[in-house]
Amino acid sequence: MDWINTDDRLPENGEKVLGFSEGEIFVCRYEADDVDNEGFFDHGHAIFTPEYWMKLPSFPKRKP
């Protein structure tokens, strides 16, 4: 997985991703407006604008 510049592409509406901003990484959700497709990244009641984002890795598999 590689980091994606927010100027190049944005996540799907409602998708949880990793966001990178000012040297920190956050788990956040991208929320887009259906009317004008403007969106924001929500990090637990805080809105921020990351420079890059990345899909979350898959969950680990449990041993039976």
PDB file of N, CA and C in Angstrom:
ATOM      1  N   MET A   1       0.848  -1.183   0.000  1.00  0.00           N
ATOM      2  CA  MET A   1       0.000   0.000   0.000  1.00  0.00           C
ATOM      3  C   MET A   1       0.887   1.237   0.000  1.00  0.00           C
ATOM      4  N   ASP A   2       0.475   2.210  -0.771  1.00  0.00           N
ATOM      5  CA  ASP A   2       1.219   3.461  -0.843  1.00  0.00           C
ATOM      6  C   ASP A   2       0.332   4.617  -0.406  1.00  0.00           C
ATOM      7  N   TRP A   3       0.978   5.681   0.038  1.00  0.00           N
ATOM      8  CA  TRP A   3       0.269   6.900   0.403  1.00  0.00           C
ATOM      9  C   TRP A   3      -0.237   7.573  -0.867  1.00  0.00           C
ATOM     10  N   ILE A   4      -1.441   8.130  -0.801  1.00  0.00           N
ATOM     11  CA  ILE A   4      -2.062   8.803  -1.934  1.00  0.00           C
ATOM     12  C   ILE A   4      -2.212  10.280  -1.584  1.00  0.00           C
ATOM     13  N   ASN A   5      -1.730  11.149  -2.439  1.00  0.00           N
ATOM     14  CA  ASN A   5      -1.848  12.591  -2.225  1.00  0.00           C
ATOM     15  C   ASN A   5      -3.315  12.982  -2.366  1.00  0.00           C
ATOM     16  N   THR A   6      -3.817  13.788  -1.425  1.00  0.00           N
ATOM     17  CA  THR A   6      -5.223  14.197  -1.466  1.00  0.00           C
ATOM     18  C   THR A   6      -5.524  15.081  -2.679  1.00  0.00           C
ATOM     19  N   ASP A   7      -4.505  15.680  -3.285  1.00  0.00           N
ATOM     20  CA  ASP A   7      -4.715  16.454  -4.511  1.00  0.00           C
ATOM     21  C   ASP A   7      -4.957  15.533  -5.707  1.00  0.00           C
ATOM     22  N   ASP A   8      -4.475  14.289  -5.629  1.00  0.00           N
ATOM     23  CA  ASP A   8      -4.611  13.338  -6.731  1.00  0.00           C
ATOM     24  C   ASP A   8      -5.919  12.557  -6.685  1.00  0.00           C
ATOM     25  N   ARG A   9      -6.307  12.123  -5.483  1.00  0.00           N
ATOM     26  CA  ARG A   9      -7.504  11.285  -5.341  1.00  0.00           C
ATOM     27  C   ARG A   9      -7.965  11.296  -3.890  1.00  0.00           C
ATOM     28  N   LEU A  10      -9.266  11.148  -3.684  1.00  0.00           N
ATOM     29  CA  LEU A  10      -9.828  11.087  -2.341  1.00  0.00           C
ATOM     30  C   LEU A  10     -10.462   9.716  -2.120  1.00  0.00           C
ATOM     31  N   PRO A  11     -10.621   9.320  -0.860  1.00  0.00           N
ATOM     32  CA  PRO A  11     -11.262   8.026  -0.574  1.00  0.00           C
ATOM     33  C   PRO A  11     -12.737   8.040  -0.960  1.00  0.00           C
ATOM     34  N   GLU A  12     -13.344   6.868  -0.904  1.00  0.00           N
ATOM     35  CA  GLU A  12     -14.786   6.747  -1.114  1.00  0.00           C
ATOM     36  C   GLU A  12     -15.511   7.382   0.076  1.00  0.00           C
ATOM     37  N   ASN A  13     -16.707   7.864  -0.159  1.00  0.00           N
ATOM     38  CA  ASN A  13     -17.502   8.467   0.905  1.00  0.00           C
ATOM     39  C   ASN A  13     -17.735   7.454   2.030  1.00  0.00           C
ATOM     40  N   GLY A  14     -17.445   7.841   3.261  1.00  0.00           N
ATOM     41  CA  GLY A  14     -17.634   6.990   4.428  1.00  0.00           C
ATOM     42  C   GLY A  14     -16.499   6.024   4.705  1.00  0.00           C
ATOM     43  N   GLU A  15     -15.473   6.016   3.875  1.00  0.00           N
ATOM     44  CA  GLU A  15     -14.369   5.067   4.025  1.00  0.00           C
ATOM     45  C   GLU A  15     -13.433   5.481   5.164  1.00  0.00           C
ATOM     46  N   LYS A  16     -13.078   4.511   6.017  1.00  0.00           N
ATOM     47  CA  LYS A  16     -12.077   4.739   7.058  1.00  0.00           C
ATOM     48  C   LYS A  16     -10.701   4.533   6.446  1.00  0.00           C
ATOM     49  N   VAL A  17      -9.796   5.474   6.709  1.00  0.00           N
ATOM     50  CA  VAL A  17      -8.452   5.432   6.137  1.00  0.00           C
ATOM     51  C   VAL A  17      -7.443   5.942   7.158  1.00  0.00           C
ATOM     52  N   LEU A  18      -6.167   5.803   6.831  1.00  0.00           N
ATOM     53  CA  LEU A  18      -5.113   6.471   7.584  1.00  0.00           C
ATOM     54  C   LEU A  18      -4.870   7.817   6.914  1.00  0.00           C
ATOM     55  N   GLY A  19      -4.755   8.862   7.699  1.00  0.00           N
ATOM     56  CA  GLY A  19      -4.451  10.186   7.172  1.00  0.00           C
ATOM     57  C   GLY A  19      -3.126  10.669   7.736  1.00  0.00           C
ATOM     58  N   PHE A  20      -2.312  11.315   6.907  1.00  0.00           N
ATOM     59  CA  PHE A  20      -1.011  11.841   7.325  1.00  0.00           C
ATOM     60  C   PHE A  20      -1.029  13.352   7.209  1.00  0.00           C
ATOM     61  N   SER A  21      -0.719  14.037   8.311  1.00  0.00           N
ATOM     62  CA  SER A  21      -0.688  15.494   8.316  1.00  0.00           C
ATOM     63  C   SER A  21       0.321  15.977   9.349  1.00  0.00           C
ATOM     64  N   GLU A  22       1.221  16.838   8.917  1.00  0.00           N
ATOM     65  CA  GLU A  22       2.204  17.473   9.802  1.00  0.00           C
ATOM     66  C   GLU A  22       2.962  16.451  10.640  1.00  0.00           C
ATOM     67  N   GLY A  23       3.386  15.363  10.015  1.00  0.00           N
ATOM     68  CA  GLY A  23       4.209  14.363  10.680  1.00  0.00           C
ATOM     69  C   GLY A  23       3.463  13.389  11.572  1.00  0.00           C
ATOM     70  N   GLU A  24       2.129  13.419  11.571  1.00  0.00           N
ATOM     71  CA  GLU A  24       1.348  12.502  12.402  1.00  0.00           C
ATOM     72  C   GLU A  24       0.396  11.686  11.534  1.00  0.00           C
ATOM     73  N   ILE A  25       0.073  10.491  12.014  1.00  0.00           N
ATOM     74  CA  ILE A  25      -0.841   9.597  11.310  1.00  0.00           C
ATOM     75  C   ILE A  25      -2.084   9.396  12.175  1.00  0.00           C
ATOM     76  N   PHE A  26      -3.255   9.496  11.538  1.00  0.00           N
ATOM     77  CA  PHE A  26      -4.525   9.355  12.234  1.00  0.00           C
ATOM     78  C   PHE A  26      -5.403   8.352  11.498  1.00  0.00           C
ATOM     79  N   VAL A  27      -6.233   7.625  12.248  1.00  0.00           N
ATOM     80  CA  VAL A  27      -7.308   6.854  11.640  1.00  0.00           C
ATOM     81  C   VAL A  27      -8.479   7.822  11.532  1.00  0.00           C
ATOM     82  N   CYS A  28      -9.043   7.942  10.336  1.00  0.00           N
ATOM     83  CA  CYS A  28     -10.114   8.908  10.133  1.00  0.00           C
ATOM     84  C   CYS A  28     -11.110   8.362   9.119  1.00  0.00           C
ATOM     85  N   ARG A  29     -12.220   9.069   8.982  1.00  0.00           N
ATOM     86  CA  ARG A  29     -13.257   8.698   8.023  1.00  0.00           C
ATOM     87  C   ARG A  29     -13.452   9.879   7.075  1.00  0.00           C
ATOM     88  N   TYR A  30     -13.511   9.569   5.773  1.00  0.00           N
ATOM     89  CA  TYR A  30     -13.758  10.615   4.781  1.00  0.00           C
ATOM     90  C   TYR A  30     -15.257  10.747   4.566  1.00  0.00           C
ATOM     91  N   GLU A  31     -15.775  11.955   4.680  1.00  0.00           N
ATOM     92  CA  GLU A  31     -17.197  12.219   4.489  1.00  0.00           C
ATOM     93  C   GLU A  31     -17.360  13.240   3.366  1.00  0.00           C
ATOM     94  N   ALA A  32     -18.057  12.855   2.305  1.00  0.00           N
ATOM     95  CA  ALA A  32     -18.266  13.736   1.160  1.00  0.00           C
ATOM     96  C   ALA A  32     -19.717  14.194   1.103  1.00  0.00           C
ATOM     97  N   ASP A  33     -19.911  15.426   0.660  1.00  0.00           N
ATOM     98  CA  ASP A  33     -21.226  16.009   0.469  1.00  0.00           C
ATOM     99  C   ASP A  33     -21.765  15.536  -0.882  1.00  0.00           C
ATOM    100  N   ASP A  34     -22.958  14.984  -0.902  1.00  0.00           N
ATOM    101  CA  ASP A  34     -23.540  14.472  -2.145  1.00  0.00           C
ATOM    102  C   ASP A  34     -23.844  15.580  -3.156  1.00  0.00           C
ATOM    103  N   VAL A  35     -24.034  16.805  -2.682  1.00  0.00           N
ATOM    104  CA  VAL A  35     -24.430  17.902  -3.564  1.00  0.00           C
ATOM    105  C   VAL A  35     -23.264  18.382  -4.426  1.00  0.00           C
ATOM    106  N   ASP A  36     -22.174  18.791  -3.793  1.00  0.00           N
ATOM    107  CA  ASP A  36     -21.049  19.350  -4.560  1.00  0.00           C
ATOM    108  C   ASP A  36     -19.783  18.507  -4.464  1.00  0.00           C
ATOM    109  N   ASN A  37     -19.897  17.318  -3.840  1.00  0.00           N
ATOM    110  CA  ASN A  37     -18.782  16.378  -3.702  1.00  0.00           C
ATOM    111  C   ASN A  37     -17.608  16.940  -2.904  1.00  0.00           C
ATOM    112  N   GLU A  38     -17.840  18.022  -2.160  1.00  0.00           N
ATOM    113  CA  GLU A  38     -16.817  18.528  -1.249  1.00  0.00           C
ATOM    114  C   GLU A  38     -16.828  17.625  -0.021  1.00  0.00           C
ATOM    115  N   GLY A  39     -15.665  17.373   0.552  1.00  0.00           N
ATOM    116  CA  GLY A  39     -15.618  16.478   1.686  1.00  0.00           C
ATOM    117  C   GLY A  39     -14.635  16.914   2.739  1.00  0.00           C
ATOM    118  N   PHE A  40     -14.593  16.143   3.811  1.00  0.00           N
ATOM    119  CA  PHE A  40     -13.669  16.413   4.905  1.00  0.00           C
ATOM    120  C   PHE A  40     -13.274  15.095   5.550  1.00  0.00           C
ATOM    121  N   PHE A  41     -12.185  15.122   6.297  1.00  0.00           N
ATOM    122  CA  PHE A  41     -11.705  13.970   7.044  1.00  0.00           C
ATOM    123  C   PHE A  41     -12.030  14.197   8.512  1.00  0.00           C
ATOM    124  N   ASP A  42     -12.751  13.260   9.110  1.00  0.00           N
ATOM    125  CA  ASP A  42     -13.171  13.354  10.502  1.00  0.00           C
ATOM    126  C   ASP A  42     -12.327  12.407  11.347  1.00  0.00           C
ATOM    127  N   HIS A  43     -11.683  12.957  12.355  1.00  0.00           N
ATOM    128  CA  HIS A  43     -10.834  12.179  13.259  1.00  0.00           C
ATOM    129  C   HIS A  43     -11.426  12.278  14.658  1.00  0.00           C
ATOM    130  N   GLY A  44     -12.461  11.505  14.927  1.00  0.00           N
ATOM    131  CA  GLY A  44     -13.066  11.484  16.256  1.00  0.00           C
ATOM    132  C   GLY A  44     -13.512  12.842  16.742  1.00  0.00           C
ATOM    133  N   HIS A  45     -14.417  13.463  16.083  1.00  0.00           N
ATOM    134  CA  HIS A  45     -14.991  14.768  16.411  1.00  0.00           C
ATOM    135  C   HIS A  45     -14.077  15.936  16.053  1.00  0.00           C
ATOM    136  N   ALA A  46     -13.000  15.684  15.388  1.00  0.00           N
ATOM    137  CA  ALA A  46     -12.123  16.756  14.918  1.00  0.00           C
ATOM    138  C   ALA A  46     -11.996  16.614  13.404  1.00  0.00           C
ATOM    139  N   ILE A  47     -12.090  17.716  12.716  1.00  0.00           N
ATOM    140  CA  ILE A  47     -11.967  17.709  11.270  1.00  0.00           C
ATOM    141  C   ILE A  47     -10.589  18.235  10.913  1.00  0.00           C
ATOM    142  N   PHE A  48      -9.906  17.539  10.019  1.00  0.00           N
ATOM    143  CA  PHE A  48      -8.579  18.000   9.604  1.00  0.00           C
ATOM    144  C   PHE A  48      -8.375  17.702   8.134  1.00  0.00           C
ATOM    145  N   THR A  49      -7.353  18.286   7.565  1.00  0.00           N
ATOM    146  CA  THR A  49      -7.059  18.111   6.149  1.00  0.00           C
ATOM    147  C   THR A  49      -5.695  17.457   6.000  1.00  0.00           C
ATOM    148  N   PRO A  50      -5.675  16.140   5.795  1.00  0.00           N
ATOM    149  CA  PRO A  50      -4.387  15.469   5.625  1.00  0.00           C
ATOM    150  C   PRO A  50      -3.789  15.773   4.255  1.00  0.00           C
ATOM    151  N   GLU A  51      -2.481  15.624   4.177  1.00  0.00           N
ATOM    152  CA  GLU A  51      -1.788  15.795   2.899  1.00  0.00           C
ATOM    153  C   GLU A  51      -1.857  14.498   2.091  1.00  0.00           C
ATOM    154  N   TYR A  52      -1.872  13.366   2.802  1.00  0.00           N
ATOM    155  CA  TYR A  52      -1.892  12.043   2.181  1.00  0.00           C
ATOM    156  C   TYR A  52      -2.852  11.149   2.942  1.00  0.00           C
ATOM    157  N   TRP A  53      -3.310  10.104   2.274  1.00  0.00           N
ATOM    158  CA  TRP A  53      -4.137   9.097   2.921  1.00  0.00           C
ATOM    159  C   TRP A  53      -3.787   7.725   2.363  1.00  0.00           C
ATOM    160  N   MET A  54      -4.190   6.691   3.106  1.00  0.00           N
ATOM    161  CA  MET A  54      -3.897   5.313   2.721  1.00  0.00           C
ATOM    162  C   MET A  54      -5.025   4.427   3.235  1.00  0.00           C
ATOM    163  N   LYS A  55      -5.381   3.399   2.463  1.00  0.00           N
ATOM    164  CA  LYS A  55      -6.388   2.439   2.934  1.00  0.00           C
ATOM    165  C   LYS A  55      -5.874   1.729   4.181  1.00  0.00           C
ATOM    166  N   LEU A  56      -6.785   1.342   5.048  1.00  0.00           N
ATOM    167  CA  LEU A  56      -6.405   0.588   6.236  1.00  0.00           C
ATOM    168  C   LEU A  56      -5.960  -0.814   5.841  1.00  0.00           C
ATOM    169  N   PRO A  57      -5.007  -1.385   6.553  1.00  0.00           N
ATOM    170  CA  PRO A  57      -4.618  -2.768   6.261  1.00  0.00           C
ATOM    171  C   PRO A  57      -5.748  -3.710   6.672  1.00  0.00           C
ATOM    172  N   SER A  58      -5.735  -4.922   6.137  1.00  0.00           N
ATOM    173  CA  SER A  58      -6.751  -5.902   6.520  1.00  0.00           C
ATOM    174  C   SER A  58      -6.493  -6.369   7.950  1.00  0.00           C
ATOM    175  N   PHE A  59      -7.538  -6.879   8.573  1.00  0.00           N
ATOM    176  CA  PHE A  59      -7.416  -7.373   9.938  1.00  0.00           C
ATOM    177  C   PHE A  59      -6.570  -8.638   9.967  1.00  0.00           C
ATOM    178  N   PRO A  60      -5.882  -8.902  11.072  1.00  0.00           N
ATOM    179  CA  PRO A  60      -5.106 -10.143  11.150  1.00  0.00           C
ATOM    180  C   PRO A  60      -6.046 -11.346  11.206  1.00  0.00           C
ATOM    181  N   LYS A  61      -5.569 -12.461  10.745  1.00  0.00           N
ATOM    182  CA  LYS A  61      -6.352 -13.699  10.792  1.00  0.00           C
ATOM    183  C   LYS A  61      -6.070 -14.393  12.115  1.00  0.00           C
ATOM    184  N   ARG A  62      -7.140 -14.845  12.747  1.00  0.00           N
ATOM    185  CA  ARG A  62      -7.005 -15.549  14.028  1.00  0.00           C
ATOM    186  C   ARG A  62      -6.710 -17.010  13.778  1.00  0.00           C
ATOM    187  N   LYS A  63      -5.918 -17.573  14.646  1.00  0.00           N
ATOM    188  CA  LYS A  63      -5.640 -19.008  14.557  1.00  0.00           C
ATOM    189  C   LYS A  63      -6.825 -19.781  15.106  1.00  0.00           C
ATOM    190  N   PRO A  64      -7.167 -20.895  14.484  1.00  0.00           N
ATOM    191  CA  PRO A  64      -8.338 -21.679  14.967  1.00  0.00           C
ATOM    192  C   PRO A  64      -8.083 -22.302  16.315  1.00  0.00           C
TER     193      PRO A  64
END
